[in-house]
Amino acid sequence: MTRDGAIEVLQVAFKAGRKGLYRNFGPLPVSNGSYVILTVDRGIDIGKVISKHPPSDEMLDQCVGDCLRLAGEEDLERHRANNDFEKTVFQYCRERVEARKLDMKLTDCEVQLDRNRIRVFFTADQRTDFRGLVRDLAASYRARIEMRQIGVRDDARHRGGLGICGRELCCAGFLEDFQSVTLKMVRTQNLSLNPSKVSGTCGRLMCCLAYESEFYQKALKEYPQPGQKVNLMGIPREVLGVDIFRETVTVSGEGSGEPETVSLEEFRRRKSMTHSPPPPEPTAPEKEEAREVPKKRRRRRRRTSGAEKERSR
């Protein structure tokens, strides 16, 4: 327990993945997955505990409120009633947007447990004057109205859905912060530049492209660049492609020959050689055969008679 009496720090999740840290003064610790009642600005709210941390000074400085108690059955019933109330507020807000002809797209609505605050999330291409809309909502529901303009990626997080992989959207499931995703990551992973293949439901590059980007950058440092000119055993070649999973390199053939795929280890070995290796040494039987010299046949002298000798003289 710290000097201010907190026994633990709770990370609590609200609607659409909104999170915050809250102090728990006990007397008992709270389990993960429990619904708790929290103090917030201008009232109380309900949230779900997703993680717990020791009450260090660093964590306590990030806390935005306190945990009052575990949510009871009455609190949970009120929370379920607020879910239906949010749909009513959202529908009324949409009607007022159309009536006032505002250039904005509504995303979601969130109502505090005590209904003292209503948050409306929306997207817009440019700044929008929504003061008239706020007056309409405040007059109808007698609550503090908070308009929050969000980006298209946050819009996808609020709406949820499935990605092209068939799983829940990463932003709606587990991502806390959005990382920057660039076309360089797409090229590094040798993926198609077709927008329909690499874009998510938000219209931006998919967040998952950043997951393996660092691995590809480190792995490709061990490989030559496609299109690079190299000398393998003194013969000029061109790198046509690499495969970091099979650990192979594809190079052009000698002259106009067929391309050749070799392992990365073999590629490095050939690259370190300045000329072709000498022919292999003959084996022992081959050496014995080379030593055997064929015997020359002796030419027989032809015997000549005495008459023939006289003629030759």
C-alpha atoms as a PDB file:
ATOM      1  CA  MET A   1       0.000   0.000   0.000  1.00  0.00           C
ATOM      2  CA  THR A   2       1.289   3.457  -0.910  1.00  0.00           C
ATOM      3  CA  ARG A   3       1.287   6.545   1.221  1.00  0.00           C
ATOM      4  CA  ASP A   4      -2.076   7.648  -0.218  1.00  0.00           C
ATOM      5  CA  GLY A   5      -3.670   4.291   0.615  1.00  0.00           C
ATOM      6  CA  ALA A   6      -4.015   2.782  -2.896  1.00  0.00           C
ATOM      7  CA  ILE A   7      -3.498  -0.979  -2.976  1.00  0.00           C
ATOM      8  CA  GLU A   8      -3.427  -1.312  -6.784  1.00  0.00           C
ATOM      9  CA  VAL A   9      -3.929   0.544 -10.061  1.00  0.00           C
ATOM     10  CA  LEU A  10      -6.643  -0.692 -12.408  1.00  0.00           C
ATOM     11  CA  GLN A  11      -6.725  -0.281 -16.154  1.00  0.00           C
ATOM     12  CA  VAL A  12     -10.372  -0.002 -17.119  1.00  0.00           C
ATOM     13  CA  ALA A  13     -11.885  -0.244 -20.597  1.00  0.00           C
ATOM     14  CA  PHE A  14     -14.996   1.623 -21.705  1.00  0.00           C
ATOM     15  CA  LYS A  15     -16.979   1.558 -24.903  1.00  0.00           C
ATOM     16  CA  ALA A  16     -15.050   1.471 -28.200  1.00  0.00           C
ATOM     17  CA  GLY A  17     -11.774   0.611 -26.508  1.00  0.00           C
ATOM     18  CA  ARG A  18     -11.425   3.842 -24.517  1.00  0.00           C
ATOM     19  CA  LYS A  19      -9.156   3.097 -21.540  1.00  0.00           C
ATOM     20  CA  GLY A  20      -8.015   4.786 -18.342  1.00  0.00           C
ATOM     21  CA  LEU A  21      -6.108   4.119 -15.108  1.00  0.00           C
ATOM     22  CA  TYR A  22      -7.892   4.307 -11.731  1.00  0.00           C
ATOM     23  CA  ARG A  23      -6.774   3.925  -8.118  1.00  0.00           C
ATOM     24  CA  ASN A  24      -8.245   1.163  -5.992  1.00  0.00           C
ATOM     25  CA  PHE A  25      -8.247   1.900  -2.259  1.00  0.00           C
ATOM     26  CA  GLY A  26      -9.630  -1.485  -1.321  1.00  0.00           C
ATOM     27  CA  PRO A  27     -10.311  -2.945   1.081  1.00  0.00           C
ATOM     28  CA  LEU A  28     -10.026  -5.920  -1.315  1.00  0.00           C
ATOM     29  CA  PRO A  29      -8.320  -6.209  -4.699  1.00  0.00           C
ATOM     30  CA  VAL A  30     -10.452  -6.428  -7.834  1.00  0.00           C
ATOM     31  CA  SER A  31     -10.266  -9.302 -10.314  1.00  0.00           C
ATOM     32  CA  ASN A  32      -9.655  -8.861 -14.016  1.00  0.00           C
ATOM     33  CA  GLY A  33     -12.885  -8.912 -16.006  1.00  0.00           C
ATOM     34  CA  SER A  34     -14.946  -7.370 -13.194  1.00  0.00           C
ATOM     35  CA  TYR A  35     -17.199  -4.370 -13.751  1.00  0.00           C
ATOM     36  CA  VAL A  36     -16.475  -1.492 -11.372  1.00  0.00           C
ATOM     37  CA  ILE A  37     -17.973   1.900 -10.554  1.00  0.00           C
ATOM     38  CA  LEU A  38     -15.529   4.772 -11.063  1.00  0.00           C
ATOM     39  CA  THR A  39     -15.306   8.458 -10.326  1.00  0.00           C
ATOM     40  CA  VAL A  40     -15.074  10.561 -13.468  1.00  0.00           C
ATOM     41  CA  ASP A  41     -15.393  14.213 -14.319  1.00  0.00           C
ATOM     42  CA  ARG A  42     -18.905  15.368 -13.340  1.00  0.00           C
ATOM     43  CA  GLY A  43     -20.220  12.060 -12.027  1.00  0.00           C
ATOM     44  CA  ILE A  44     -19.692   8.306 -11.989  1.00  0.00           C
ATOM     45  CA  ASP A  45     -19.283   5.719 -14.743  1.00  0.00           C
ATOM     46  CA  ILE A  46     -18.966   1.971 -15.193  1.00  0.00           C
ATOM     47  CA  GLY A  47     -16.113   0.109 -16.823  1.00  0.00           C
ATOM     48  CA  LYS A  48     -14.476  -3.309 -17.146  1.00  0.00           C
ATOM     49  CA  VAL A  49     -11.116  -4.087 -15.505  1.00  0.00           C
ATOM     50  CA  ILE A  50      -8.685  -5.429 -18.107  1.00  0.00           C
ATOM     51  CA  SER A  51      -5.407  -5.338 -16.150  1.00  0.00           C
ATOM     52  CA  LYS A  52      -3.931  -4.536 -12.752  1.00  0.00           C
ATOM     53  CA  HIS A  53      -0.635  -2.886 -11.824  1.00  0.00           C
ATOM     54  CA  PRO A  54       1.337  -2.237  -8.617  1.00  0.00           C
ATOM     55  CA  PRO A  55       0.674   1.246  -7.155  1.00  0.00           C
ATOM     56  CA  SER A  56       4.012   2.785  -8.148  1.00  0.00           C
ATOM     57  CA  ASP A  57       4.442   6.543  -8.226  1.00  0.00           C
ATOM     58  CA  GLU A  58       4.682   6.467 -12.012  1.00  0.00           C
ATOM     59  CA  MET A  59       1.378   4.586 -12.368  1.00  0.00           C
ATOM     60  CA  LEU A  60      -0.395   6.732  -9.768  1.00  0.00           C
ATOM     61  CA  ASP A  61       0.565   9.889 -11.648  1.00  0.00           C
ATOM     62  CA  GLN A  62      -1.310   8.580 -14.700  1.00  0.00           C
ATOM     63  CA  CYS A  63      -4.536   7.821 -12.831  1.00  0.00           C
ATOM     64  CA  VAL A  64      -7.592   9.876 -13.781  1.00  0.00           C
ATOM     65  CA  GLY A  65      -9.965   8.764 -11.004  1.00  0.00           C
ATOM     66  CA  ASP A  66     -10.756   6.273  -8.283  1.00  0.00           C
ATOM     67  CA  CYS A  67     -12.520   2.934  -8.108  1.00  0.00           C
ATOM     68  CA  LEU A  68     -15.489   3.246  -5.762  1.00  0.00           C
ATOM     69  CA  ARG A  69     -16.783  -0.325  -5.646  1.00  0.00           C
ATOM     70  CA  LEU A  70     -17.679  -3.383  -7.636  1.00  0.00           C
ATOM     71  CA  ALA A  71     -20.727  -2.946  -9.849  1.00  0.00           C
ATOM     72  CA  GLY A  72     -23.865  -4.471  -8.380  1.00  0.00           C
ATOM     73  CA  GLU A  73     -26.872  -5.925 -10.153  1.00  0.00           C
ATOM     74  CA  GLU A  74     -28.625  -2.549 -10.072  1.00  0.00           C
ATOM     75  CA  ASP A  75     -25.610  -0.880 -11.696  1.00  0.00           C
ATOM     76  CA  LEU A  76     -25.451  -3.535 -14.417  1.00  0.00           C
ATOM     77  CA  GLU A  77     -29.165  -3.162 -15.120  1.00  0.00           C
ATOM     78  CA  ARG A  78     -28.732   0.581 -15.447  1.00  0.00           C
ATOM     79  CA  HIS A  79     -25.786   0.010 -17.767  1.00  0.00           C
ATOM     80  CA  ARG A  80     -27.908  -2.216 -20.021  1.00  0.00           C
ATOM     81  CA  ALA A  81     -30.652   0.418 -20.045  1.00  0.00           C
ATOM     82  CA  ASN A  82     -28.098   3.020 -21.114  1.00  0.00           C
ATOM     83  CA  ASN A  83     -27.198   0.896 -24.126  1.00  0.00           C
ATOM     84  CA  ASP A  84     -30.758   1.247 -25.396  1.00  0.00           C
ATOM     85  CA  PHE A  85     -30.763   4.925 -24.476  1.00  0.00           C
ATOM     86  CA  GLU A  86     -27.621   5.457 -26.583  1.00  0.00           C
ATOM     87  CA  LYS A  87     -29.449   4.180 -29.663  1.00  0.00           C
ATOM     88  CA  THR A  88     -32.226   6.699 -29.059  1.00  0.00           C
ATOM     89  CA  VAL A  89     -29.764   9.563 -28.647  1.00  0.00           C
ATOM     90  CA  PHE A  90     -27.846   8.512 -31.755  1.00  0.00           C
ATOM     91  CA  GLN A  91     -30.978   8.390 -33.887  1.00  0.00           C
ATOM     92  CA  TYR A  92     -32.114  11.835 -32.685  1.00  0.00           C
ATOM     93  CA  CYS A  93     -28.639  13.246 -33.323  1.00  0.00           C
ATOM     94  CA  ARG A  94     -28.674  11.871 -36.859  1.00  0.00           C
ATOM     95  CA  GLU A  95     -32.023  13.546 -37.529  1.00  0.00           C
ATOM     96  CA  ARG A  96     -30.717  16.898 -36.278  1.00  0.00           C
ATOM     97  CA  VAL A  97     -27.597  16.586 -38.443  1.00  0.00           C
ATOM     98  CA  GLU A  98     -29.762  16.060 -41.527  1.00  0.00           C
ATOM     99  CA  ALA A  99     -32.091  18.886 -40.533  1.00  0.00           C
ATOM    100  CA  ARG A 100     -29.202  21.326 -40.060  1.00  0.00           C
ATOM    101  CA  LYS A 101     -27.421  19.973 -43.186  1.00  0.00           C
ATOM    102  CA  LEU A 102     -24.134  19.524 -41.384  1.00  0.00           C
ATOM    103  CA  ASP A 103     -21.223  18.034 -43.315  1.00  0.00           C
ATOM    104  CA  MET A 104     -20.363  15.328 -40.775  1.00  0.00           C
ATOM    105  CA  LYS A 105     -20.712  11.574 -40.430  1.00  0.00           C
ATOM    106  CA  LEU A 106     -21.840  10.224 -37.073  1.00  0.00           C
ATOM    107  CA  THR A 107     -19.927   7.225 -35.743  1.00  0.00           C
ATOM    108  CA  ASP A 108     -21.165   6.351 -32.263  1.00  0.00           C
ATOM    109  CA  CYS A 109     -22.682   7.658 -29.060  1.00  0.00           C
ATOM    110  CA  GLU A 110     -21.632   6.977 -25.451  1.00  0.00           C
ATOM    111  CA  VAL A 111     -23.686   7.807 -22.360  1.00  0.00           C
ATOM    112  CA  GLN A 112     -22.199   8.034 -18.875  1.00  0.00           C
ATOM    113  CA  LEU A 113     -23.728   5.754 -16.227  1.00  0.00           C
ATOM    114  CA  ASP A 114     -25.466   8.622 -14.424  1.00  0.00           C
ATOM    115  CA  ARG A 115     -26.417  10.234 -17.798  1.00  0.00           C
ATOM    116  CA  ASN A 116     -24.764  13.488 -16.806  1.00  0.00           C
ATOM    117  CA  ARG A 117     -22.554  13.378 -19.923  1.00  0.00           C
ATOM    118  CA  ILE A 118     -23.198  12.297 -23.495  1.00  0.00           C
ATOM    119  CA  ARG A 119     -20.331  11.836 -25.958  1.00  0.00           C
ATOM    120  CA  VAL A 120     -20.971  11.878 -29.681  1.00  0.00           C
ATOM    121  CA  PHE A 121     -18.212  10.674 -32.015  1.00  0.00           C
ATOM    122  CA  PHE A 122     -18.120  11.791 -35.648  1.00  0.00           C
ATOM    123  CA  THR A 123     -15.858  12.171 -38.676  1.00  0.00           C
ATOM    124  CA  ALA A 124     -15.661  15.155 -41.006  1.00  0.00           C
ATOM    125  CA  ASP A 125     -13.402  16.187 -43.875  1.00  0.00           C
ATOM    126  CA  GLN A 126     -13.163  19.723 -42.559  1.00  0.00           C
ATOM    127  CA  ARG A 127     -14.009  21.742 -39.489  1.00  0.00           C
ATOM    128  CA  THR A 128     -17.727  21.775 -38.753  1.00  0.00           C
ATOM    129  CA  ASP A 129     -19.732  24.258 -36.706  1.00  0.00           C
ATOM    130  CA  PHE A 130     -21.832  21.964 -34.513  1.00  0.00           C
ATOM    131  CA  ARG A 131     -22.835  24.484 -31.828  1.00  0.00           C
ATOM    132  CA  GLY A 132     -26.477  24.388 -32.941  1.00  0.00           C
ATOM    133  CA  LEU A 133     -26.459  20.578 -32.740  1.00  0.00           C
ATOM    134  CA  VAL A 134     -25.060  20.715 -29.193  1.00  0.00           C
ATOM    135  CA  ARG A 135     -27.864  23.084 -28.135  1.00  0.00           C
ATOM    136  CA  ASP A 136     -30.467  20.711 -29.579  1.00  0.00           C
ATOM    137  CA  LEU A 137     -29.048  17.715 -27.696  1.00  0.00           C
ATOM    138  CA  ALA A 138     -28.593  19.614 -24.410  1.00  0.00           C
ATOM    139  CA  ALA A 139     -32.166  20.914 -24.528  1.00  0.00           C
ATOM    140  CA  SER A 140     -33.563  17.433 -25.170  1.00  0.00           C
ATOM    141  CA  TYR A 141     -31.544  15.374 -22.670  1.00  0.00           C
ATOM    142  CA  ARG A 142     -30.458  17.910 -20.022  1.00  0.00           C
ATOM    143  CA  ALA A 143     -26.885  16.609 -20.028  1.00  0.00           C
ATOM    144  CA  ARG A 144     -23.423  17.857 -20.837  1.00  0.00           C
ATOM    145  CA  ILE A 145     -22.820  17.214 -24.557  1.00  0.00           C
ATOM    146  CA  GLU A 146     -19.310  16.396 -25.740  1.00  0.00           C
ATOM    147  CA  MET A 147     -18.636  16.260 -29.490  1.00  0.00           C
ATOM    148  CA  ARG A 148     -15.480  14.373 -30.474  1.00  0.00           C
ATOM    149  CA  GLN A 149     -14.136  14.440 -34.006  1.00  0.00           C
ATOM    150  CA  ILE A 150     -12.141  11.298 -34.773  1.00  0.00           C
ATOM    151  CA  GLY A 151     -10.197   9.938 -37.730  1.00  0.00           C
ATOM    152  CA  VAL A 152     -11.214   7.160 -40.097  1.00  0.00           C
ATOM    153  CA  ARG A 153      -9.112   4.601 -38.219  1.00  0.00           C
ATOM    154  CA  ASP A 154     -10.854   5.420 -34.936  1.00  0.00           C
ATOM    155  CA  ASP A 155     -14.134   5.259 -36.817  1.00  0.00           C
ATOM    156  CA  ALA A 156     -13.357   1.668 -37.822  1.00  0.00           C
ATOM    157  CA  ARG A 157     -12.445   0.884 -34.202  1.00  0.00           C
ATOM    158  CA  HIS A 158     -15.854   2.137 -32.985  1.00  0.00           C
ATOM    159  CA  ARG A 159     -17.799   0.269 -35.641  1.00  0.00           C
ATOM    160  CA  GLY A 160     -15.816  -2.976 -35.435  1.00  0.00           C
ATOM    161  CA  GLY A 161     -16.040  -5.716 -38.029  1.00  0.00           C
ATOM    162  CA  LEU A 162     -13.954  -8.397 -39.729  1.00  0.00           C
ATOM    163  CA  GLY A 163     -10.820  -7.950 -41.792  1.00  0.00           C
ATOM    164  CA  ILE A 164      -9.908  -9.749 -45.018  1.00  0.00           C
ATOM    165  CA  CYS A 165      -8.195 -12.378 -42.833  1.00  0.00           C
ATOM    166  CA  GLY A 166     -11.564 -13.335 -41.358  1.00  0.00           C
ATOM    167  CA  ARG A 167     -10.641 -12.196 -37.849  1.00  0.00           C
ATOM    168  CA  GLU A 168     -11.846  -9.252 -35.806  1.00  0.00           C
ATOM    169  CA  LEU A 169     -10.293  -5.919 -36.746  1.00  0.00           C
ATOM    170  CA  CYS A 170      -7.037  -5.402 -34.862  1.00  0.00           C
ATOM    171  CA  CYS A 171      -8.020  -1.858 -33.892  1.00  0.00           C
ATOM    172  CA  ALA A 172     -11.287  -3.081 -32.383  1.00  0.00           C
ATOM    173  CA  GLY A 173      -9.749  -6.116 -30.722  1.00  0.00           C
ATOM    174  CA  PHE A 174      -6.449  -5.354 -29.038  1.00  0.00           C
ATOM    175  CA  LEU A 175      -4.602  -2.362 -30.492  1.00  0.00           C
ATOM    176  CA  GLU A 176      -4.223   0.514 -28.067  1.00  0.00           C
ATOM    177  CA  ASP A 177      -2.313   2.956 -30.269  1.00  0.00           C
ATOM    178  CA  PHE A 178      -2.107   3.306 -34.024  1.00  0.00           C
ATOM    179  CA  GLN A 179       1.331   2.933 -35.607  1.00  0.00           C
ATOM    180  CA  SER A 180       2.333   4.716 -38.757  1.00  0.00           C
ATOM    181  CA  VAL A 181       2.037   2.418 -41.794  1.00  0.00           C
ATOM    182  CA  THR A 182       3.777   3.445 -45.023  1.00  0.00           C
ATOM    183  CA  LEU A 183       4.081   2.168 -48.582  1.00  0.00           C
ATOM    184  CA  LYS A 184       7.740   1.403 -47.863  1.00  0.00           C
ATOM    185  CA  MET A 185       6.569  -1.379 -45.555  1.00  0.00           C
ATOM    186  CA  VAL A 186       4.477  -2.810 -48.401  1.00  0.00           C
ATOM    187  CA  ARG A 187       7.438  -2.772 -50.808  1.00  0.00           C
ATOM    188  CA  THR A 188       9.798  -4.256 -48.218  1.00  0.00           C
ATOM    189  CA  GLN A 189       7.483  -7.248 -47.803  1.00  0.00           C
ATOM    190  CA  ASN A 190       7.169  -7.596 -51.588  1.00  0.00           C
ATOM    191  CA  LEU A 191       3.386  -7.231 -51.483  1.00  0.00           C
ATOM    192  CA  SER A 192       1.054  -5.995 -54.165  1.00  0.00           C
ATOM    193  CA  LEU A 193       0.586  -2.236 -54.352  1.00  0.00           C
ATOM    194  CA  ASN A 194      -3.061  -2.740 -55.279  1.00  0.00           C
ATOM    195  CA  PRO A 195      -5.042  -0.613 -52.759  1.00  0.00           C
ATOM    196  CA  SER A 196      -7.779  -3.226 -52.472  1.00  0.00           C
ATOM    197  CA  LYS A 197      -5.196  -5.788 -51.284  1.00  0.00           C
ATOM    198  CA  VAL A 198      -3.384  -3.719 -48.650  1.00  0.00           C
ATOM    199  CA  SER A 199      -6.130  -1.373 -47.375  1.00  0.00           C
ATOM    200  CA  GLY A 200      -8.398  -2.020 -44.402  1.00  0.00           C
ATOM    201  CA  THR A 201     -12.051  -1.195 -43.894  1.00  0.00           C
ATOM    202  CA  CYS A 202     -11.044   2.352 -42.939  1.00  0.00           C
ATOM    203  CA  GLY A 203      -9.496   2.927 -46.372  1.00  0.00           C
ATOM    204  CA  ARG A 204      -5.984   3.288 -44.929  1.00  0.00           C
ATOM    205  CA  LEU A 205      -3.115   0.802 -45.108  1.00  0.00           C
ATOM    206  CA  MET A 206      -3.787  -2.178 -42.847  1.00  0.00           C
ATOM    207  CA  CYS A 207      -2.293  -1.987 -39.360  1.00  0.00           C
ATOM    208  CA  CYS A 208      -0.988  -5.568 -39.621  1.00  0.00           C
ATOM    209  CA  LEU A 209       1.528  -4.478 -42.278  1.00  0.00           C
ATOM    210  CA  ALA A 210       3.613  -3.001 -39.452  1.00  0.00           C
ATOM    211  CA  TYR A 211       3.771  -6.233 -37.440  1.00  0.00           C
ATOM    212  CA  GLU A 212       6.453  -7.968 -39.554  1.00  0.00           C
ATOM    213  CA  SER A 213       8.070  -4.906 -41.089  1.00  0.00           C
ATOM    214  CA  GLU A 214      10.989  -4.917 -38.626  1.00  0.00           C
ATOM    215  CA  PHE A 215      11.642  -8.618 -39.270  1.00  0.00           C
ATOM    216  CA  TYR A 216      11.780  -8.073 -43.028  1.00  0.00           C
ATOM    217  CA  GLN A 217      14.130  -5.119 -42.664  1.00  0.00           C
ATOM    218  CA  LYS A 218      16.558  -7.135 -40.544  1.00  0.00           C
ATOM    219  CA  ALA A 219      16.336 -10.258 -42.705  1.00  0.00           C
ATOM    220  CA  LEU A 220      16.815  -8.472 -46.017  1.00  0.00           C
ATOM    221  CA  LYS A 221      20.107  -6.988 -44.811  1.00  0.00           C
ATOM    222  CA  GLU A 222      21.596 -10.485 -45.215  1.00  0.00           C
ATOM    223  CA  TYR A 223      20.449 -10.751 -48.849  1.00  0.00           C
ATOM    224  CA  PRO A 224      21.461  -8.962 -52.057  1.00  0.00           C
ATOM    225  CA  GLN A 225      19.057  -6.524 -53.645  1.00  0.00           C
ATOM    226  CA  PRO A 226      17.064  -7.744 -56.683  1.00  0.00           C
ATOM    227  CA  GLY A 227      18.627  -6.287 -59.824  1.00  0.00           C
ATOM    228  CA  GLN A 228      22.088  -6.131 -58.247  1.00  0.00           C
ATOM    229  CA  LYS A 229      25.039  -7.136 -60.439  1.00  0.00           C
ATOM    230  CA  VAL A 230      27.352  -9.695 -58.832  1.00  0.00           C
ATOM    231  CA  ASN A 231      30.298 -11.878 -59.836  1.00  0.00           C
ATOM    232  CA  LEU A 232      29.934 -15.517 -58.945  1.00  0.00           C
ATOM    233  CA  MET A 233      33.207 -17.398 -59.408  1.00  0.00           C
ATOM    234  CA  GLY A 234      34.327 -14.636 -61.760  1.00  0.00           C
ATOM    235  CA  ILE A 235      31.204 -14.829 -63.949  1.00  0.00           C
ATOM    236  CA  PRO A 236      28.917 -11.751 -64.048  1.00  0.00           C
ATOM    237  CA  ARG A 237      25.385 -12.522 -62.892  1.00  0.00           C
ATOM    238  CA  GLU A 238      22.255 -10.548 -61.927  1.00  0.00           C
ATOM    239  CA  VAL A 239      20.143 -11.133 -58.817  1.00  0.00           C
ATOM    240  CA  LEU A 240      16.560 -11.822 -59.920  1.00  0.00           C
ATOM    241  CA  GLY A 241      14.952 -12.398 -56.538  1.00  0.00           C
ATOM    242  CA  VAL A 242      15.357 -13.613 -52.963  1.00  0.00           C
ATOM    243  CA  ASP A 243      13.279 -15.783 -50.638  1.00  0.00           C
ATOM    244  CA  ILE A 244      13.991 -15.082 -46.969  1.00  0.00           C
ATOM    245  CA  PHE A 245      11.850 -17.998 -45.785  1.00  0.00           C
ATOM    246  CA  ARG A 246      13.541 -20.656 -47.926  1.00  0.00           C
ATOM    247  CA  GLU A 247      16.860 -18.775 -47.625  1.00  0.00           C
ATOM    248  CA  THR A 248      17.505 -18.869 -51.361  1.00  0.00           C
ATOM    249  CA  VAL A 249      18.743 -16.451 -54.005  1.00  0.00           C
ATOM    250  CA  THR A 250      17.754 -16.606 -57.683  1.00  0.00           C
ATOM    251  CA  VAL A 251      20.365 -15.378 -60.179  1.00  0.00           C
ATOM    252  CA  SER A 252      20.494 -15.182 -63.947  1.00  0.00           C
ATOM    253  CA  GLY A 253      22.099 -18.047 -65.839  1.00  0.00           C
ATOM    254  CA  GLU A 254      25.461 -17.936 -67.573  1.00  0.00           C
ATOM    255  CA  GLY A 255      25.062 -16.115 -70.864  1.00  0.00           C
ATOM    256  CA  SER A 256      21.509 -16.780 -71.974  1.00  0.00           C
ATOM    257  CA  GLY A 257      21.071 -19.811 -69.756  1.00  0.00           C
ATOM    258  CA  GLU A 258      18.196 -20.572 -67.424  1.00  0.00           C
ATOM    259  CA  PRO A 259      17.990 -18.720 -64.063  1.00  0.00           C
ATOM    260  CA  GLU A 260      19.521 -20.590 -61.158  1.00  0.00           C
ATOM    261  CA  THR A 261      18.301 -20.747 -57.568  1.00  0.00           C
ATOM    262  CA  VAL A 262      20.939 -21.406 -54.918  1.00  0.00           C
ATOM    263  CA  SER A 263      20.993 -21.299 -51.144  1.00  0.00           C
ATOM    264  CA  LEU A 264      22.224 -18.142 -49.431  1.00  0.00           C
ATOM    265  CA  GLU A 265      25.268 -20.017 -48.109  1.00  0.00           C
ATOM    266  CA  GLU A 266      26.166 -21.261 -51.608  1.00  0.00           C
ATOM    267  CA  PHE A 267      25.631 -17.762 -53.018  1.00  0.00           C
ATOM    268  CA  ARG A 268      28.097 -16.312 -50.532  1.00  0.00           C
ATOM    269  CA  ARG A 269      30.627 -19.063 -51.260  1.00  0.00           C
ATOM    270  CA  ARG A 270      30.510 -18.481 -55.000  1.00  0.00           C
ATOM    271  CA  LYS A 271      30.680 -14.744 -54.543  1.00  0.00           C
ATOM    272  CA  SER A 272      33.895 -15.051 -52.526  1.00  0.00           C
ATOM    273  CA  MET A 273      35.592 -16.990 -55.351  1.00  0.00           C
ATOM    274  CA  THR A 274      37.290 -14.959 -58.102  1.00  0.00           C
ATOM    275  CA  HIS A 275      37.438 -17.819 -60.679  1.00  0.00           C
ATOM    276  CA  SER A 276      35.965 -21.208 -61.354  1.00  0.00           C
ATOM    277  CA  PRO A 277      37.325 -23.990 -59.162  1.00  0.00           C
ATOM    278  CA  PRO A 278      39.921 -26.353 -60.685  1.00  0.00           C
ATOM    279  CA  PRO A 279      38.690 -29.726 -61.942  1.00  0.00           C
ATOM    280  CA  PRO A 280      38.546 -32.382 -59.244  1.00  0.00           C
ATOM    281  CA  GLU A 281      41.657 -34.493 -58.676  1.00  0.00           C
ATOM    282  CA  PRO A 282      41.543 -38.004 -60.156  1.00  0.00           C
ATOM    283  CA  THR A 283      40.841 -40.862 -57.823  1.00  0.00           C
ATOM    284  CA  ALA A 284      43.354 -43.623 -56.996  1.00  0.00           C
ATOM    285  CA  PRO A 285      42.155 -46.079 -59.709  1.00  0.00           C
ATOM    286  CA  GLU A 286      42.303 -43.305 -62.294  1.00  0.00           C
ATOM    287  CA  LYS A 287      45.887 -42.536 -61.285  1.00  0.00           C
ATOM    288  CA  GLU A 288      46.880 -46.203 -61.690  1.00  0.00           C
ATOM    289  CA  GLU A 289      45.371 -46.314 -65.160  1.00  0.00           C
ATOM    290  CA  ALA A 290      47.240 -43.152 -66.124  1.00  0.00           C
ATOM    291  CA  ARG A 291      50.557 -44.703 -65.085  1.00  0.00           C
ATOM    292  CA  GLU A 292      50.171 -47.738 -67.324  1.00  0.00           C
ATOM    293  CA  VAL A 293      51.840 -46.910 -70.638  1.00  0.00           C
ATOM    294  CA  PRO A 294      50.947 -49.182 -73.578  1.00  0.00           C
ATOM    295  CA  LYS A 295      53.929 -51.257 -74.796  1.00  0.00           C
ATOM    296  CA  LYS A 296      55.150 -50.542 -78.301  1.00  0.00           C
ATOM    297  CA  ARG A 297      55.264 -53.450 -80.635  1.00  0.00           C
ATOM    298  CA  ARG A 298      58.633 -54.363 -81.982  1.00  0.00           C
ATOM    299  CA  ARG A 299      58.934 -54.319 -85.678  1.00  0.00           C
ATOM    300  CA  ARG A 300      60.251 -57.567 -86.976  1.00  0.00           C
ATOM    301  CA  ARG A 301      63.240 -57.383 -89.223  1.00  0.00           C
ATOM    302  CA  ARG A 302      62.711 -59.037 -92.399  1.00  0.00           C
ATOM    303  CA  ARG A 303      65.386 -61.597 -93.302  1.00  0.00           C
ATOM    304  CA  THR A 304      66.854 -61.167 -96.686  1.00  0.00           C
ATOM    305  CA  SER A 305      68.499 -63.768 -98.811  1.00  0.00           C
ATOM    306  CA  GLY A 306      71.957 -63.544-100.408  1.00  0.00           C
ATOM    307  CA  ALA A 307      70.502 -62.907-103.850  1.00  0.00           C
ATOM    308  CA  GLU A 308      68.555 -59.957-102.638  1.00  0.00           C
ATOM    309  CA  LYS A 309      71.656 -58.555-101.003  1.00  0.00           C
ATOM    310  CA  GLU A 310      73.561 -58.809-104.282  1.00  0.00           C
ATOM    311  CA  ARG A 311      70.764 -56.964-106.035  1.00  0.00           C
ATOM    312  CA  SER A 312      70.749 -54.214-103.534  1.00  0.00           C
ATOM    313  CA  ARG A 313      74.423 -53.673-104.060  1.00  0.00           C
END
